[in-house]
PDB file of all heavy atoms in Angstrom:
ATOM      1  N   ILE A   1       7.851  -3.653  -2.676  1.00  0.00           N
ATOM      2  CA  ILE A   1       7.312  -4.077  -1.383  1.00  0.00           C
ATOM      3  C   ILE A   1       7.774  -5.489  -1.048  1.00  0.00           C
ATOM      4  O   ILE A   1       8.138  -5.784   0.093  1.00  0.00           O
ATOM      5  CB  ILE A   1       5.778  -3.981  -1.383  1.00  0.00           C
ATOM      6  CG1 ILE A   1       5.337  -2.510  -1.510  1.00  0.00           C
ATOM      7  CG2 ILE A   1       5.200  -4.576  -0.096  1.00  0.00           C
ATOM      8  CD1 ILE A   1       3.843  -2.321  -1.664  1.00  0.00           C
ATOM      9  N   GLN A   2       7.783  -6.365  -2.041  1.00  0.00           N
ATOM     10  CA  GLN A   2       8.224  -7.737  -1.808  1.00  0.00           C
ATOM     11  C   GLN A   2       9.677  -7.789  -1.352  1.00  0.00           C
ATOM     12  O   GLN A   2      10.062  -8.622  -0.531  1.00  0.00           O
ATOM     13  CB  GLN A   2       8.041  -8.570  -3.075  1.00  0.00           C
ATOM     14  CG  GLN A   2       6.598  -8.911  -3.390  1.00  0.00           C
ATOM     15  CD  GLN A   2       6.445  -9.625  -4.712  1.00  0.00           C
ATOM     16  OE1 GLN A   2       7.238  -9.452  -5.631  1.00  0.00           O
ATOM     17  NE2 GLN A   2       5.406 -10.443  -4.825  1.00  0.00           N
ATOM     18  N   ASP A   3      10.502  -6.884  -1.877  1.00  0.00           N
ATOM     19  CA  ASP A   3      11.919  -6.854  -1.523  1.00  0.00           C
ATOM     20  C   ASP A   3      12.202  -5.955  -0.329  1.00  0.00           C
ATOM     21  O   ASP A   3      13.375  -5.731   0.016  1.00  0.00           O
ATOM     22  CB  ASP A   3      12.747  -6.379  -2.722  1.00  0.00           C
ATOM     23  CG  ASP A   3      12.676  -7.346  -3.894  1.00  0.00           C
ATOM     24  OD1 ASP A   3      12.376  -8.532  -3.655  1.00  0.00           O
ATOM     25  OD2 ASP A   3      12.895  -6.910  -5.038  1.00  0.00           O
ATOM     26  N   ALA A   4      11.136  -5.425   0.294  1.00  0.00           N
ATOM     27  CA  ALA A   4      11.261  -4.529   1.452  1.00  0.00           C
ATOM     28  C   ALA A   4      12.015  -3.247   1.108  1.00  0.00           C
ATOM     29  O   ALA A   4      12.585  -2.598   2.000  1.00  0.00           O
ATOM     30  CB  ALA A   4      11.931  -5.249   2.615  1.00  0.00           C
ATOM     31  N   ASP A   5      12.014  -2.857  -0.175  1.00  0.00           N
ATOM     32  CA  ASP A   5      12.619  -1.590  -0.578  1.00  0.00           C
ATOM     33  C   ASP A   5      11.588  -0.471  -0.647  1.00  0.00           C
ATOM     34  O   ASP A   5      11.937   0.691  -0.871  1.00  0.00           O
ATOM     35  CB  ASP A   5      13.291  -1.744  -1.946  1.00  0.00           C
ATOM     36  CG  ASP A   5      14.497  -2.668  -1.895  1.00  0.00           C
ATOM     37  OD1 ASP A   5      15.198  -2.649  -0.863  1.00  0.00           O
ATOM     38  OD2 ASP A   5      14.732  -3.404  -2.867  1.00  0.00           O
ATOM     39  N   GLY A   6      10.328  -0.828  -0.479  1.00  0.00           N
ATOM     40  CA  GLY A   6       9.248   0.135  -0.470  1.00  0.00           C
ATOM     41  C   GLY A   6       8.193  -0.317   0.516  1.00  0.00           C
ATOM     42  O   GLY A   6       8.281  -1.402   1.096  1.00  0.00           O
ATOM     43  N   PHE A   7       7.212   0.519   0.748  1.00  0.00           N
ATOM     44  CA  PHE A   7       6.137   0.176   1.679  1.00  0.00           C
ATOM     45  C   PHE A   7       4.825   0.717   1.121  1.00  0.00           C
ATOM     46  O   PHE A   7       4.819   1.573   0.231  1.00  0.00           O
ATOM     47  CB  PHE A   7       6.408   0.753   3.071  1.00  0.00           C
ATOM     48  CG  PHE A   7       6.640   2.241   3.084  1.00  0.00           C
ATOM     49  CD1 PHE A   7       5.604   3.118   3.320  1.00  0.00           C
ATOM     50  CD2 PHE A   7       7.911   2.765   2.855  1.00  0.00           C
ATOM     51  CE1 PHE A   7       5.805   4.490   3.338  1.00  0.00           C
ATOM     52  CE2 PHE A   7       8.134   4.133   2.870  1.00  0.00           C
ATOM     53  CZ  PHE A   7       7.081   4.996   3.114  1.00  0.00           C
ATOM     54  N   GLY A   8       3.734   0.181   1.614  1.00  0.00           N
ATOM     55  CA  GLY A   8       2.456   0.612   1.073  1.00  0.00           C
ATOM     56  C   GLY A   8       1.331   0.547   2.069  1.00  0.00           C
ATOM     57  O   GLY A   8       1.481   0.028   3.187  1.00  0.00           O
ATOM     58  N   PHE A   9       0.188   1.092   1.649  1.00  0.00           N
ATOM     59  CA  PHE A   9      -1.020   1.079   2.466  1.00  0.00           C
ATOM     60  C   PHE A   9      -2.216   0.787   1.578  1.00  0.00           C
ATOM     61  O   PHE A   9      -2.244   1.173   0.408  1.00  0.00           O
ATOM     62  CB  PHE A   9      -1.221   2.426   3.171  1.00  0.00           C
ATOM     63  CG  PHE A   9      -0.125   2.785   4.125  1.00  0.00           C
ATOM     64  CD1 PHE A   9       0.878   3.659   3.742  1.00  0.00           C
ATOM     65  CD2 PHE A   9      -0.072   2.228   5.397  1.00  0.00           C
ATOM     66  CE1 PHE A   9       1.907   3.986   4.599  1.00  0.00           C
ATOM     67  CE2 PHE A   9       0.949   2.545   6.268  1.00  0.00           C
ATOM     68  CZ  PHE A   9       1.953   3.426   5.867  1.00  0.00           C
ATOM     69  N   ALA A  10      -3.185   0.086   2.143  1.00  0.00           N
ATOM     70  CA  ALA A  10      -4.434  -0.205   1.444  1.00  0.00           C
ATOM     71  C   ALA A  10      -5.579   0.464   2.186  1.00  0.00           C
ATOM     72  O   ALA A  10      -5.608   0.476   3.418  1.00  0.00           O
ATOM     73  CB  ALA A  10      -4.668  -1.710   1.374  1.00  0.00           C
ATOM     74  N   LEU A  11      -6.499   1.036   1.428  1.00  0.00           N
ATOM     75  CA  LEU A  11      -7.679   1.671   2.009  1.00  0.00           C
ATOM     76  C   LEU A  11      -8.867   0.732   1.815  1.00  0.00           C
ATOM     77  O   LEU A  11      -9.150   0.303   0.694  1.00  0.00           O
ATOM     78  CB  LEU A  11      -7.931   3.018   1.336  1.00  0.00           C
ATOM     79  CG  LEU A  11      -9.114   3.836   1.860  1.00  0.00           C
ATOM     80  CD1 LEU A  11      -8.822   5.331   1.754  1.00  0.00           C
ATOM     81  CD2 LEU A  11     -10.398   3.517   1.077  1.00  0.00           C
ATOM     82  N   VAL A  12      -9.526   0.411   2.906  1.00  0.00           N
ATOM     83  CA  VAL A  12     -10.658  -0.512   2.881  1.00  0.00           C
ATOM     84  C   VAL A  12     -11.915   0.213   3.338  1.00  0.00           C
ATOM     85  O   VAL A  12     -11.919   0.893   4.369  1.00  0.00           O
ATOM     86  CB  VAL A  12     -10.390  -1.738   3.786  1.00  0.00           C
ATOM     87  CG1 VAL A  12     -11.615  -2.643   3.839  1.00  0.00           C
ATOM     88  CG2 VAL A  12      -9.170  -2.515   3.284  1.00  0.00           C
ATOM     89  N   GLU A  13     -12.959   0.076   2.573  1.00  0.00           N
ATOM     90  CA  GLU A  13     -14.254   0.669   2.908  1.00  0.00           C
ATOM     91  C   GLU A  13     -15.325  -0.393   2.689  1.00  0.00           C
ATOM     92  O   GLU A  13     -15.342  -1.058   1.641  1.00  0.00           O
ATOM     93  CB  GLU A  13     -14.523   1.893   2.023  1.00  0.00           C
ATOM     94  CG  GLU A  13     -15.820   2.621   2.378  1.00  0.00           C
ATOM     95  CD  GLU A  13     -16.077   3.788   1.442  1.00  0.00           C
ATOM     96  OE1 GLU A  13     -15.779   3.657   0.239  1.00  0.00           O
ATOM     97  OE2 GLU A  13     -16.578   4.815   1.901  1.00  0.00           O
ATOM     98  N   GLU A  14     -16.176  -0.586   3.683  1.00  0.00           N
ATOM     99  CA  GLU A  14     -17.231  -1.587   3.614  1.00  0.00           C
ATOM    100  C   GLU A  14     -16.671  -2.967   3.274  1.00  0.00           C
ATOM    101  O   GLU A  14     -17.260  -3.732   2.508  1.00  0.00           O
ATOM    102  CB  GLU A  14     -18.295  -1.173   2.593  1.00  0.00           C
ATOM    103  CG  GLU A  14     -19.018   0.126   2.971  1.00  0.00           C
ATOM    104  CD  GLU A  14     -20.090   0.511   1.971  1.00  0.00           C
ATOM    105  OE1 GLU A  14     -20.195  -0.173   0.930  1.00  0.00           O
ATOM    106  OE2 GLU A  14     -20.830   1.477   2.236  1.00  0.00           O
ATOM    107  N   GLY A  15     -15.516  -3.275   3.840  1.00  0.00           N
ATOM    108  CA  GLY A  15     -14.911  -4.587   3.674  1.00  0.00           C
ATOM    109  C   GLY A  15     -14.214  -4.819   2.347  1.00  0.00           C
ATOM    110  O   GLY A  15     -13.759  -5.932   2.081  1.00  0.00           O
ATOM    111  N   GLU A  16     -14.106  -3.786   1.477  1.00  0.00           N
ATOM    112  CA  GLU A  16     -13.473  -3.930   0.175  1.00  0.00           C
ATOM    113  C   GLU A  16     -12.264  -3.016   0.068  1.00  0.00           C
ATOM    114  O   GLU A  16     -12.287  -1.878   0.540  1.00  0.00           O
ATOM    115  CB  GLU A  16     -14.455  -3.571  -0.949  1.00  0.00           C
ATOM    116  CG  GLU A  16     -15.649  -4.499  -1.066  1.00  0.00           C
ATOM    117  CD  GLU A  16     -16.537  -4.124  -2.242  1.00  0.00           C
ATOM    118  OE1 GLU A  16     -16.149  -3.198  -2.998  1.00  0.00           O
ATOM    119  OE2 GLU A  16     -17.595  -4.730  -2.405  1.00  0.00           O
ATOM    120  N   VAL A  17     -11.202  -3.536  -0.582  1.00  0.00           N
ATOM    121  CA  VAL A  17     -10.032  -2.698  -0.856  1.00  0.00           C
ATOM    122  C   VAL A  17     -10.381  -1.798  -2.034  1.00  0.00           C
ATOM    123  O   VAL A  17     -10.674  -2.275  -3.127  1.00  0.00           O
ATOM    124  CB  VAL A  17      -8.801  -3.560  -1.211  1.00  0.00           C
ATOM    125  CG1 VAL A  17      -7.606  -2.664  -1.492  1.00  0.00           C
ATOM    126  CG2 VAL A  17      -8.476  -4.519  -0.082  1.00  0.00           C
ATOM    127  N   ARG A  18     -10.341  -0.494  -1.799  1.00  0.00           N
ATOM    128  CA  ARG A  18     -10.756   0.445  -2.838  1.00  0.00           C
ATOM    129  C   ARG A  18      -9.643   1.381  -3.293  1.00  0.00           C
ATOM    130  O   ARG A  18      -9.823   2.127  -4.257  1.00  0.00           O
ATOM    131  CB  ARG A  18     -11.965   1.237  -2.347  1.00  0.00           C
ATOM    132  CG  ARG A  18     -13.180   0.326  -2.186  1.00  0.00           C
ATOM    133  CD  ARG A  18     -14.426   1.025  -1.750  1.00  0.00           C
ATOM    134  NE  ARG A  18     -15.556   0.090  -1.753  1.00  0.00           N
ATOM    135  CZ  ARG A  18     -16.762   0.372  -1.283  1.00  0.00           C
ATOM    136  NH1 ARG A  18     -17.003   1.558  -0.741  1.00  0.00           N
ATOM    137  NH2 ARG A  18     -17.722  -0.525  -1.340  1.00  0.00           N
ATOM    138  N   ALA A  19      -8.502   1.333  -2.613  1.00  0.00           N
ATOM    139  CA  ALA A  19      -7.374   2.157  -3.031  1.00  0.00           C
ATOM    140  C   ALA A  19      -6.097   1.588  -2.420  1.00  0.00           C
ATOM    141  O   ALA A  19      -6.131   0.925  -1.376  1.00  0.00           O
ATOM    142  CB  ALA A  19      -7.562   3.610  -2.599  1.00  0.00           C
ATOM    143  N   ALA A  20      -4.980   1.824  -3.101  1.00  0.00           N
ATOM    144  CA  ALA A  20      -3.693   1.357  -2.586  1.00  0.00           C
ATOM    145  C   ALA A  20      -2.608   2.332  -3.010  1.00  0.00           C
ATOM    146  O   ALA A  20      -2.709   2.985  -4.065  1.00  0.00           O
ATOM    147  CB  ALA A  20      -3.373  -0.051  -3.099  1.00  0.00           C
ATOM    148  N   VAL A  21      -1.563   2.425  -2.205  1.00  0.00           N
ATOM    149  CA  VAL A  21      -0.448   3.320  -2.502  1.00  0.00           C
ATOM    150  C   VAL A  21       0.849   2.627  -2.114  1.00  0.00           C
ATOM    151  O   VAL A  21       0.893   1.826  -1.177  1.00  0.00           O
ATOM    152  CB  VAL A  21      -0.591   4.670  -1.749  1.00  0.00           C
ATOM    153  CG1 VAL A  21      -0.492   4.466  -0.235  1.00  0.00           C
ATOM    154  CG2 VAL A  21       0.446   5.676  -2.218  1.00  0.00           C
ATOM    155  N   CYS A  22       1.899   2.902  -2.874  1.00  0.00           N
ATOM    156  CA  CYS A  22       3.242   2.397  -2.563  1.00  0.00           C
ATOM    157  C   CYS A  22       4.209   3.568  -2.635  1.00  0.00           C
ATOM    158  O   CYS A  22       4.094   4.433  -3.517  1.00  0.00           O
ATOM    159  CB  CYS A  22       3.665   1.310  -3.540  1.00  0.00           C
ATOM    160  SG  CYS A  22       5.423   0.879  -3.461  1.00  0.00           S
ATOM    161  N   ALA A  23       5.156   3.618  -1.712  1.00  0.00           N
ATOM    162  CA  ALA A  23       6.144   4.695  -1.691  1.00  0.00           C
ATOM    163  C   ALA A  23       7.476   4.153  -1.198  1.00  0.00           C
ATOM    164  O   ALA A  23       7.561   3.039  -0.659  1.00  0.00           O
ATOM    165  CB  ALA A  23       5.674   5.839  -0.798  1.00  0.00           C
ATOM    166  N   ARG A  24       8.526   4.936  -1.391  1.00  0.00           N
ATOM    167  CA  ARG A  24       9.831   4.582  -0.853  1.00  0.00           C
ATOM    168  C   ARG A  24      10.608   5.858  -0.538  1.00  0.00           C
ATOM    169  O   ARG A  24      10.399   6.899  -1.177  1.00  0.00           O
ATOM    170  CB  ARG A  24      10.627   3.733  -1.845  1.00  0.00           C
ATOM    171  CG  ARG A  24      11.008   4.461  -3.136  1.00  0.00           C
ATOM    172  CD  ARG A  24      11.835   3.579  -4.037  1.00  0.00           C
ATOM    173  NE  ARG A  24      12.031   4.206  -5.354  1.00  0.00           N
ATOM    174  CZ  ARG A  24      12.593   3.594  -6.387  1.00  0.00           C
ATOM    175  NH1 ARG A  24      13.000   2.336  -6.263  1.00  0.00           N
ATOM    176  NH2 ARG A  24      12.735   4.221  -7.541  1.00  0.00           N
ATOM    177  N   LEU A  25      11.498   5.768   0.429  1.00  0.00           N
ATOM    178  CA  LEU A  25      12.375   6.881   0.758  1.00  0.00           C
ATOM    179  C   LEU A  25      13.573   6.863  -0.174  1.00  0.00           C
ATOM    180  O   LEU A  25      14.072   5.790  -0.534  1.00  0.00           O
ATOM    181  CB  LEU A  25      12.837   6.790   2.211  1.00  0.00           C
ATOM    182  CG  LEU A  25      11.737   7.021   3.265  1.00  0.00           C
ATOM    183  CD1 LEU A  25      12.247   6.650   4.652  1.00  0.00           C
ATOM    184  CD2 LEU A  25      11.258   8.466   3.241  1.00  0.00           C
ATOM    185  N   ASP A  26      14.034   8.028  -0.583  1.00  0.00           N
ATOM    186  CA  ASP A  26      15.196   8.132  -1.451  1.00  0.00           C
ATOM    187  C   ASP A  26      16.415   7.511  -0.772  1.00  0.00           C
ATOM    188  O   ASP A  26      16.693   7.798   0.393  1.00  0.00           O
ATOM    189  CB  ASP A  26      15.467   9.604  -1.773  1.00  0.00           C
ATOM    190  CG  ASP A  26      16.501   9.772  -2.869  1.00  0.00           C
ATOM    191  OD1 ASP A  26      17.668   9.392  -2.645  1.00  0.00           O
ATOM    192  OD2 ASP A  26      16.155  10.296  -3.932  1.00  0.00           O
TER     193      ASP A  26
END
């Protein structure tokens, strides 16, 4: 993600980050 070779999403519930995912296209 830092090198912009992948991307991610964070799931927030009640103001807290409770899950995260990172992926990239081949």
